[in-house]
Amino acid sequence: MQEMRIEALTKEAFAPFGDIIDVLGPPTKQINAGLCGRHDDLARLSFEGPGRAGISLFDAQARALPYTLDLVERHPLGSQAFLPLDGVPFLVCVAEDAGGHPVRFRAFLTAPGQGINLLRNTWHGVLAPIGAPGRYAVVDRIGAGENLEEYPLDPPLRVIA
């Protein structure tokens, strides 16, 4: 089984696949009579075709490293943002596309409380909290149309720290 090492999750490294959603640095502006800092426009949300943005809650079972990546998926009609509600870090496996097939896989691990937004059509692994179960708010497209394409990996990849 081929191994893949987890990389540092940086804005530059992750940019081809999506956005990091966190609050490093000062708020964009102060609201609510100066009692609340607002961090604006942290993700490139994109939805196509009939449908709308929706917010769902996901309860994901804990995973561990090393992790076996045996399935990736993508969503051609909408981006997908994952926001941890309990601070549990999660593994983010992504790949480039070559003619409808995932290639050049990469793995990242979020910091506790850090979220990500996956761009439309980005190959990615399933939600995989590391070390503990996690609950996540997910912002994605809700509506008609084929918005899920799955791709089993044979052989699978082994993700290591």
N, C-alpha and C. Protein backbone atom coordinates (compact mmCIF):
# COMPACT_ATOMS: atom_id res chain seq x y z
N MET A 1 0.85 -1.17 0.00
CA MET A 1 0.00 0.00 0.00
C MET A 1 0.89 1.24 0.00
N GLN A 2 0.61 2.17 -0.89
CA GLN A 2 1.38 3.40 -0.97
C GLN A 2 1.05 4.30 0.22
N GLU A 3 2.08 4.98 0.77
CA GLU A 3 1.88 5.86 1.91
C GLU A 3 1.90 7.32 1.49
N MET A 4 1.15 8.12 2.24
CA MET A 4 1.08 9.56 2.01
C MET A 4 1.25 10.24 3.37
N ARG A 5 2.18 11.20 3.46
CA ARG A 5 2.41 11.92 4.71
C ARG A 5 1.51 13.15 4.82
N ILE A 6 1.07 13.43 6.03
CA ILE A 6 0.28 14.64 6.29
C ILE A 6 1.19 15.85 6.15
N GLU A 7 0.71 16.86 5.42
CA GLU A 7 1.42 18.13 5.23
C GLU A 7 0.86 19.18 6.18
N ALA A 8 1.62 20.25 6.37
CA ALA A 8 1.12 21.38 7.14
C ALA A 8 -0.03 22.02 6.36
N LEU A 9 -1.11 22.32 7.06
CA LEU A 9 -2.26 22.96 6.44
C LEU A 9 -2.02 24.46 6.42
N THR A 10 -1.59 24.96 5.26
CA THR A 10 -1.38 26.40 5.09
C THR A 10 -2.31 26.92 4.00
N LYS A 11 -2.57 28.21 4.04
CA LYS A 11 -3.44 28.84 3.05
C LYS A 11 -2.93 28.58 1.64
N GLU A 12 -1.63 28.69 1.45
CA GLU A 12 -1.03 28.51 0.12
C GLU A 12 -1.12 27.06 -0.35
N ALA A 13 -0.81 26.12 0.52
CA ALA A 13 -0.83 24.70 0.14
C ALA A 13 -2.24 24.22 -0.18
N PHE A 14 -3.24 24.76 0.53
CA PHE A 14 -4.61 24.29 0.37
C PHE A 14 -5.40 25.07 -0.68
N ALA A 15 -4.90 26.20 -1.13
CA ALA A 15 -5.64 27.09 -2.06
C ALA A 15 -6.18 26.39 -3.31
N PRO A 16 -5.47 25.46 -3.95
CA PRO A 16 -6.04 24.82 -5.14
C PRO A 16 -7.29 23.98 -4.85
N PHE A 17 -7.48 23.60 -3.59
CA PHE A 17 -8.58 22.72 -3.21
C PHE A 17 -9.70 23.44 -2.47
N GLY A 18 -9.37 24.57 -1.83
CA GLY A 18 -10.37 25.30 -1.06
C GLY A 18 -9.76 26.32 -0.14
N ASP A 19 -10.47 26.58 0.96
CA ASP A 19 -10.11 27.64 1.90
C ASP A 19 -9.99 27.09 3.31
N ILE A 20 -9.10 27.69 4.10
CA ILE A 20 -9.02 27.41 5.52
C ILE A 20 -9.92 28.42 6.22
N ILE A 21 -10.76 27.94 7.11
CA ILE A 21 -11.68 28.82 7.82
C ILE A 21 -11.24 28.87 9.28
N ASP A 22 -10.63 29.98 9.66
CA ASP A 22 -10.22 30.18 11.04
C ASP A 22 -10.18 31.68 11.33
N VAL A 23 -9.86 32.03 12.55
CA VAL A 23 -9.85 33.43 12.94
C VAL A 23 -8.46 33.85 13.43
N LEU A 24 -7.47 33.63 12.60
CA LEU A 24 -6.13 34.12 12.90
C LEU A 24 -6.09 35.59 12.52
N GLY A 25 -5.78 36.42 13.45
CA GLY A 25 -5.73 37.85 13.18
C GLY A 25 -6.98 38.56 13.66
N PRO A 26 -6.97 39.87 13.53
CA PRO A 26 -8.08 40.67 14.05
C PRO A 26 -9.32 40.56 13.17
N PRO A 27 -10.48 40.87 13.75
CA PRO A 27 -11.72 40.85 12.97
C PRO A 27 -11.68 41.87 11.83
N THR A 28 -12.48 41.62 10.80
CA THR A 28 -12.61 42.54 9.69
C THR A 28 -13.27 43.84 10.14
N LYS A 29 -14.28 43.69 11.02
CA LYS A 29 -14.95 44.88 11.56
C LYS A 29 -15.60 44.53 12.89
N GLN A 30 -15.93 45.56 13.63
CA GLN A 30 -16.64 45.41 14.90
C GLN A 30 -18.12 45.70 14.65
N ILE A 31 -18.99 44.85 15.22
CA ILE A 31 -20.43 45.04 15.09
C ILE A 31 -21.07 44.96 16.47
N ASN A 32 -22.38 45.08 16.54
CA ASN A 32 -23.12 44.99 17.80
C ASN A 32 -22.58 45.95 18.85
N ALA A 33 -22.54 47.21 18.46
CA ALA A 33 -22.05 48.28 19.35
C ALA A 33 -20.63 48.01 19.83
N GLY A 34 -19.82 47.39 18.97
CA GLY A 34 -18.42 47.13 19.30
C GLY A 34 -18.18 45.94 20.20
N LEU A 35 -19.21 45.15 20.46
CA LEU A 35 -19.07 44.01 21.36
C LEU A 35 -18.82 42.68 20.64
N CYS A 36 -18.76 42.72 19.31
CA CYS A 36 -18.58 41.49 18.54
C CYS A 36 -17.66 41.77 17.35
N GLY A 37 -16.63 40.95 17.22
CA GLY A 37 -15.74 41.06 16.06
C GLY A 37 -16.23 40.15 14.94
N ARG A 38 -16.36 40.71 13.74
CA ARG A 38 -16.82 39.94 12.59
C ARG A 38 -15.64 39.67 11.65
N HIS A 39 -15.46 38.38 11.31
CA HIS A 39 -14.43 37.95 10.36
C HIS A 39 -15.17 37.62 9.06
N ASP A 40 -15.11 38.50 8.08
CA ASP A 40 -15.92 38.41 6.86
C ASP A 40 -15.31 37.53 5.78
N ASP A 41 -16.20 36.92 5.00
CA ASP A 41 -15.89 36.29 3.72
C ASP A 41 -14.69 35.35 3.79
N LEU A 42 -14.80 34.32 4.62
CA LEU A 42 -13.69 33.40 4.85
C LEU A 42 -13.63 32.23 3.88
N ALA A 43 -14.63 32.08 3.01
CA ALA A 43 -14.65 30.93 2.10
C ALA A 43 -15.29 31.30 0.76
N ARG A 44 -14.79 30.66 -0.29
CA ARG A 44 -15.32 30.85 -1.65
C ARG A 44 -16.45 29.87 -1.90
N LEU A 45 -17.64 30.19 -1.41
CA LEU A 45 -18.80 29.33 -1.62
C LEU A 45 -19.26 29.44 -3.06
N SER A 46 -19.71 28.32 -3.63
CA SER A 46 -20.13 28.29 -5.03
C SER A 46 -21.19 27.22 -5.20
N PHE A 47 -22.35 27.62 -5.77
CA PHE A 47 -23.43 26.67 -6.00
C PHE A 47 -23.94 26.85 -7.42
N GLU A 48 -24.23 25.75 -8.09
CA GLU A 48 -24.65 25.78 -9.49
C GLU A 48 -25.97 25.04 -9.65
N GLY A 49 -26.75 25.46 -10.63
CA GLY A 49 -28.00 24.78 -10.95
C GLY A 49 -29.09 25.08 -9.93
N PRO A 50 -30.21 24.36 -10.05
CA PRO A 50 -31.28 24.59 -9.09
C PRO A 50 -30.85 24.10 -7.71
N GLY A 51 -31.06 24.89 -6.72
CA GLY A 51 -30.67 24.53 -5.36
C GLY A 51 -30.38 25.77 -4.56
N ARG A 52 -29.95 25.55 -3.34
CA ARG A 52 -29.69 26.65 -2.43
C ARG A 52 -28.62 26.25 -1.44
N ALA A 53 -28.08 27.23 -0.73
CA ALA A 53 -27.15 26.93 0.35
C ALA A 53 -27.92 26.40 1.54
N GLY A 54 -27.39 25.39 2.19
CA GLY A 54 -28.02 24.82 3.37
C GLY A 54 -26.98 24.57 4.45
N ILE A 55 -27.44 24.48 5.68
CA ILE A 55 -26.57 24.15 6.81
C ILE A 55 -27.07 22.83 7.40
N SER A 56 -26.17 21.87 7.50
CA SER A 56 -26.48 20.57 8.08
C SER A 56 -25.51 20.31 9.22
N LEU A 57 -25.85 19.39 10.11
CA LEU A 57 -24.95 18.95 11.17
C LEU A 57 -24.55 17.51 10.91
N PHE A 58 -23.26 17.24 10.98
CA PHE A 58 -22.73 15.89 10.78
C PHE A 58 -22.14 15.39 12.09
N ASP A 59 -22.47 14.17 12.48
CA ASP A 59 -21.83 13.49 13.61
C ASP A 59 -20.93 12.41 13.02
N ALA A 60 -19.62 12.59 13.18
CA ALA A 60 -18.67 11.68 12.55
C ALA A 60 -17.92 10.86 13.60
N GLN A 61 -17.75 9.57 13.30
CA GLN A 61 -17.03 8.67 14.18
C GLN A 61 -15.54 8.96 14.14
N ALA A 62 -14.89 8.71 15.26
CA ALA A 62 -13.45 8.94 15.38
C ALA A 62 -12.66 8.00 14.47
N ARG A 63 -11.59 8.52 13.94
CA ARG A 63 -10.62 7.74 13.15
C ARG A 63 -9.27 7.88 13.82
N ALA A 64 -8.30 7.11 13.36
CA ALA A 64 -6.96 7.16 13.93
C ALA A 64 -5.93 7.12 12.81
N LEU A 65 -4.73 7.57 13.15
CA LEU A 65 -3.59 7.46 12.23
C LEU A 65 -2.80 6.23 12.63
N PRO A 66 -2.22 5.49 11.70
CA PRO A 66 -2.37 5.70 10.26
C PRO A 66 -3.80 5.43 9.81
N TYR A 67 -4.19 6.11 8.75
CA TYR A 67 -5.55 6.08 8.23
C TYR A 67 -5.54 5.48 6.83
N THR A 68 -6.48 4.62 6.54
CA THR A 68 -6.58 4.03 5.21
C THR A 68 -7.60 4.81 4.39
N LEU A 69 -7.13 5.45 3.34
CA LEU A 69 -7.99 6.21 2.43
C LEU A 69 -8.38 5.29 1.29
N ASP A 70 -9.66 4.87 1.28
CA ASP A 70 -10.10 3.92 0.25
C ASP A 70 -11.24 4.45 -0.61
N LEU A 71 -11.70 5.68 -0.33
CA LEU A 71 -12.79 6.27 -1.09
C LEU A 71 -12.64 7.78 -1.09
N VAL A 72 -12.78 8.39 -2.26
CA VAL A 72 -12.87 9.84 -2.36
C VAL A 72 -14.16 10.18 -3.09
N GLU A 73 -14.58 11.42 -2.94
CA GLU A 73 -15.80 11.88 -3.58
C GLU A 73 -15.60 13.33 -4.00
N ARG A 74 -16.53 13.81 -4.81
CA ARG A 74 -16.54 15.22 -5.17
C ARG A 74 -17.98 15.65 -5.44
N HIS A 75 -18.18 16.96 -5.40
CA HIS A 75 -19.51 17.54 -5.55
C HIS A 75 -19.46 18.55 -6.68
N PRO A 76 -19.92 18.17 -7.88
CA PRO A 76 -19.80 19.05 -9.05
C PRO A 76 -20.70 20.28 -9.02
N LEU A 77 -21.73 20.28 -8.18
CA LEU A 77 -22.67 21.40 -8.19
C LEU A 77 -22.51 22.36 -7.02
N GLY A 78 -21.59 22.09 -6.11
CA GLY A 78 -21.45 23.01 -4.98
C GLY A 78 -20.23 22.78 -4.13
N SER A 79 -19.76 23.88 -3.54
CA SER A 79 -18.68 23.80 -2.57
C SER A 79 -19.23 23.17 -1.28
N GLN A 80 -18.32 22.84 -0.37
CA GLN A 80 -18.72 22.19 0.88
C GLN A 80 -17.79 22.65 2.00
N ALA A 81 -18.36 23.35 2.99
CA ALA A 81 -17.58 23.85 4.12
C ALA A 81 -17.84 23.02 5.36
N PHE A 82 -16.78 22.70 6.10
CA PHE A 82 -16.86 21.93 7.33
C PHE A 82 -16.37 22.79 8.49
N LEU A 83 -17.25 23.00 9.48
CA LEU A 83 -16.94 23.84 10.63
C LEU A 83 -17.09 23.03 11.90
N PRO A 84 -15.99 22.71 12.59
CA PRO A 84 -16.09 21.88 13.79
C PRO A 84 -16.81 22.62 14.92
N LEU A 85 -17.76 21.95 15.54
CA LEU A 85 -18.51 22.55 16.63
C LEU A 85 -17.92 22.23 18.00
N ASP A 86 -17.09 21.19 18.07
CA ASP A 86 -16.51 20.78 19.35
C ASP A 86 -14.99 20.80 19.35
N GLY A 87 -14.38 21.40 18.33
CA GLY A 87 -12.93 21.58 18.31
C GLY A 87 -12.13 20.37 17.89
N VAL A 88 -12.76 19.28 17.49
CA VAL A 88 -12.02 18.07 17.14
C VAL A 88 -11.34 18.27 15.77
N PRO A 89 -10.01 18.11 15.70
CA PRO A 89 -9.33 18.23 14.41
C PRO A 89 -9.75 17.08 13.48
N PHE A 90 -9.63 17.33 12.17
CA PHE A 90 -10.00 16.29 11.22
C PHE A 90 -9.01 16.24 10.07
N LEU A 91 -8.91 15.04 9.52
CA LEU A 91 -8.02 14.78 8.39
C LEU A 91 -8.70 15.22 7.11
N VAL A 92 -7.97 15.94 6.27
CA VAL A 92 -8.50 16.41 4.99
C VAL A 92 -7.61 15.83 3.89
N CYS A 93 -8.13 14.85 3.16
CA CYS A 93 -7.41 14.26 2.04
C CYS A 93 -8.04 14.80 0.76
N VAL A 94 -7.22 15.31 -0.14
CA VAL A 94 -7.70 15.90 -1.38
C VAL A 94 -6.85 15.40 -2.54
N ALA A 95 -7.36 15.59 -3.76
CA ALA A 95 -6.61 15.18 -4.95
C ALA A 95 -6.98 16.10 -6.11
N GLU A 96 -6.07 16.19 -7.04
CA GLU A 96 -6.34 16.89 -8.29
C GLU A 96 -7.16 15.98 -9.20
N ASP A 97 -7.73 16.56 -10.24
CA ASP A 97 -8.51 15.79 -11.20
C ASP A 97 -7.75 15.67 -12.51
N ALA A 98 -7.76 14.49 -13.09
CA ALA A 98 -7.17 14.26 -14.42
C ALA A 98 -8.18 13.43 -15.21
N GLY A 99 -8.97 14.10 -16.03
CA GLY A 99 -9.93 13.39 -16.87
C GLY A 99 -10.97 12.61 -16.11
N GLY A 100 -11.42 13.13 -14.96
CA GLY A 100 -12.44 12.43 -14.18
C GLY A 100 -11.90 11.45 -13.16
N HIS A 101 -10.58 11.42 -12.99
CA HIS A 101 -9.95 10.52 -12.03
C HIS A 101 -9.11 11.32 -11.05
N PRO A 102 -9.15 10.98 -9.74
CA PRO A 102 -8.31 11.69 -8.78
C PRO A 102 -6.85 11.28 -8.92
N VAL A 103 -5.97 12.28 -8.88
CA VAL A 103 -4.52 12.05 -8.98
C VAL A 103 -3.80 13.00 -8.02
N ARG A 104 -2.54 12.71 -7.74
CA ARG A 104 -1.68 13.55 -6.90
C ARG A 104 -2.37 13.90 -5.57
N PHE A 105 -2.57 12.89 -4.77
CA PHE A 105 -3.24 13.02 -3.47
C PHE A 105 -2.38 13.79 -2.48
N ARG A 106 -3.06 14.52 -1.62
CA ARG A 106 -2.40 15.25 -0.53
C ARG A 106 -3.26 15.11 0.72
N ALA A 107 -2.61 15.16 1.89
CA ALA A 107 -3.32 15.03 3.16
C ALA A 107 -2.91 16.17 4.08
N PHE A 108 -3.91 16.71 4.79
CA PHE A 108 -3.71 17.80 5.74
C PHE A 108 -4.47 17.46 7.02
N LEU A 109 -4.05 18.04 8.13
CA LEU A 109 -4.75 17.87 9.39
C LEU A 109 -5.09 19.26 9.93
N THR A 110 -6.38 19.49 10.22
CA THR A 110 -6.77 20.79 10.75
C THR A 110 -6.28 20.94 12.19
N ALA A 111 -6.14 22.18 12.61
CA ALA A 111 -5.88 22.47 14.02
C ALA A 111 -7.22 22.38 14.75
N PRO A 112 -7.21 22.17 16.06
CA PRO A 112 -8.47 22.14 16.80
C PRO A 112 -9.27 23.42 16.54
N GLY A 113 -10.54 23.27 16.18
CA GLY A 113 -11.41 24.41 15.93
C GLY A 113 -11.31 25.01 14.54
N GLN A 114 -10.38 24.55 13.72
CA GLN A 114 -10.18 25.09 12.38
C GLN A 114 -11.09 24.38 11.38
N GLY A 115 -11.72 25.14 10.49
CA GLY A 115 -12.58 24.56 9.47
C GLY A 115 -11.97 24.72 8.09
N ILE A 116 -12.62 24.10 7.11
CA ILE A 116 -12.17 24.22 5.72
C ILE A 116 -13.39 24.31 4.82
N ASN A 117 -13.17 24.85 3.63
CA ASN A 117 -14.16 24.87 2.57
C ASN A 117 -13.54 24.20 1.36
N LEU A 118 -14.21 23.18 0.84
CA LEU A 118 -13.75 22.49 -0.37
C LEU A 118 -14.42 23.13 -1.58
N LEU A 119 -13.63 23.49 -2.57
CA LEU A 119 -14.18 24.07 -3.78
C LEU A 119 -15.01 23.04 -4.54
N ARG A 120 -15.93 23.52 -5.35
CA ARG A 120 -16.75 22.67 -6.20
C ARG A 120 -15.85 21.76 -7.04
N ASN A 121 -16.21 20.49 -7.15
CA ASN A 121 -15.51 19.50 -7.98
C ASN A 121 -14.16 19.05 -7.42
N THR A 122 -13.88 19.31 -6.17
CA THR A 122 -12.62 18.89 -5.56
C THR A 122 -12.76 17.46 -5.02
N TRP A 123 -11.89 16.57 -5.49
CA TRP A 123 -11.86 15.22 -4.93
C TRP A 123 -11.41 15.30 -3.48
N HIS A 124 -12.13 14.61 -2.57
CA HIS A 124 -11.77 14.64 -1.16
C HIS A 124 -12.22 13.37 -0.46
N GLY A 125 -11.52 13.06 0.63
CA GLY A 125 -11.90 11.92 1.45
C GLY A 125 -13.11 12.25 2.29
N VAL A 126 -13.62 11.23 2.97
CA VAL A 126 -14.79 11.42 3.83
C VAL A 126 -14.37 12.14 5.11
N LEU A 127 -15.34 12.66 5.84
CA LEU A 127 -15.08 13.38 7.09
C LEU A 127 -14.44 12.42 8.09
N ALA A 128 -13.24 12.77 8.57
CA ALA A 128 -12.47 11.86 9.43
C ALA A 128 -11.88 12.60 10.62
N PRO A 129 -12.68 12.76 11.71
CA PRO A 129 -12.12 13.35 12.92
C PRO A 129 -11.05 12.43 13.50
N ILE A 130 -9.97 13.01 13.97
CA ILE A 130 -8.86 12.21 14.47
C ILE A 130 -8.85 12.22 15.99
N GLY A 131 -8.93 11.02 16.57
CA GLY A 131 -8.78 10.85 18.00
C GLY A 131 -10.05 10.89 18.83
N ALA A 132 -11.12 11.47 18.30
CA ALA A 132 -12.38 11.55 19.04
C ALA A 132 -13.51 11.77 18.04
N PRO A 133 -14.73 11.38 18.40
CA PRO A 133 -15.86 11.69 17.52
C PRO A 133 -15.99 13.21 17.39
N GLY A 134 -16.55 13.66 16.27
CA GLY A 134 -16.71 15.10 16.07
C GLY A 134 -18.06 15.47 15.50
N ARG A 135 -18.52 16.64 15.86
CA ARG A 135 -19.75 17.20 15.30
C ARG A 135 -19.35 18.44 14.50
N TYR A 136 -19.91 18.52 13.28
CA TYR A 136 -19.53 19.58 12.34
C TYR A 136 -20.76 20.22 11.73
N ALA A 137 -20.74 21.54 11.62
CA ALA A 137 -21.72 22.24 10.80
C ALA A 137 -21.17 22.20 9.38
N VAL A 138 -22.02 21.84 8.43
CA VAL A 138 -21.60 21.74 7.03
C VAL A 138 -22.49 22.66 6.21
N VAL A 139 -21.84 23.54 5.46
CA VAL A 139 -22.55 24.45 4.56
C VAL A 139 -22.31 23.94 3.15
N ASP A 140 -23.39 23.50 2.50
CA ASP A 140 -23.25 23.01 1.13
C ASP A 140 -24.55 23.19 0.38
N ARG A 141 -24.57 22.71 -0.85
CA ARG A 141 -25.72 22.86 -1.73
C ARG A 141 -26.78 21.83 -1.41
N ILE A 142 -28.01 22.30 -1.28
CA ILE A 142 -29.17 21.43 -1.07
C ILE A 142 -30.07 21.59 -2.29
N GLY A 143 -30.42 20.49 -2.94
CA GLY A 143 -31.31 20.61 -4.09
C GLY A 143 -31.17 19.45 -5.05
N ALA A 144 -31.98 19.52 -6.10
CA ALA A 144 -32.01 18.47 -7.12
C ALA A 144 -30.72 18.47 -7.93
N GLY A 145 -30.48 17.34 -8.58
CA GLY A 145 -29.31 17.23 -9.45
C GLY A 145 -28.29 16.27 -8.85
N GLU A 146 -27.44 15.75 -9.71
CA GLU A 146 -26.39 14.81 -9.29
C GLU A 146 -25.22 15.60 -8.73
N ASN A 147 -25.11 15.64 -7.40
CA ASN A 147 -24.06 16.42 -6.76
C ASN A 147 -23.11 15.56 -5.94
N LEU A 148 -23.06 14.29 -6.22
CA LEU A 148 -22.12 13.40 -5.53
C LEU A 148 -21.57 12.40 -6.52
N GLU A 149 -20.25 12.38 -6.63
CA GLU A 149 -19.55 11.38 -7.42
C GLU A 149 -18.53 10.72 -6.52
N GLU A 150 -18.62 9.40 -6.36
CA GLU A 150 -17.70 8.65 -5.52
C GLU A 150 -16.70 7.89 -6.38
N TYR A 151 -15.48 7.72 -5.83
CA TYR A 151 -14.42 7.04 -6.55
C TYR A 151 -13.67 6.14 -5.56
N PRO A 152 -13.92 4.81 -5.59
CA PRO A 152 -13.18 3.89 -4.72
C PRO A 152 -11.71 3.82 -5.15
N LEU A 153 -10.83 3.74 -4.18
CA LEU A 153 -9.39 3.64 -4.47
C LEU A 153 -8.94 2.20 -4.31
N ASP A 154 -8.39 1.64 -5.36
CA ASP A 154 -7.90 0.28 -5.35
C ASP A 154 -6.58 0.23 -6.09
N PRO A 155 -5.49 0.16 -5.37
CA PRO A 155 -5.37 -0.07 -3.95
C PRO A 155 -5.59 1.24 -3.15
N PRO A 156 -5.93 1.12 -1.86
CA PRO A 156 -6.09 2.31 -1.03
C PRO A 156 -4.73 2.94 -0.72
N LEU A 157 -4.78 4.15 -0.16
CA LEU A 157 -3.58 4.85 0.29
C LEU A 157 -3.55 4.85 1.81
N ARG A 158 -2.35 4.79 2.37
CA ARG A 158 -2.18 4.83 3.83
C ARG A 158 -1.66 6.21 4.18
N VAL A 159 -2.40 6.92 5.05
CA VAL A 159 -2.02 8.27 5.48
C VAL A 159 -1.32 8.17 6.82
N ILE A 160 -0.10 8.74 6.88
CA ILE A 160 0.70 8.68 8.12
C ILE A 160 1.06 10.11 8.56
N ALA A 161 1.35 10.23 9.85
CA ALA A 161 1.71 11.54 10.42
C ALA A 161 3.08 11.98 9.92
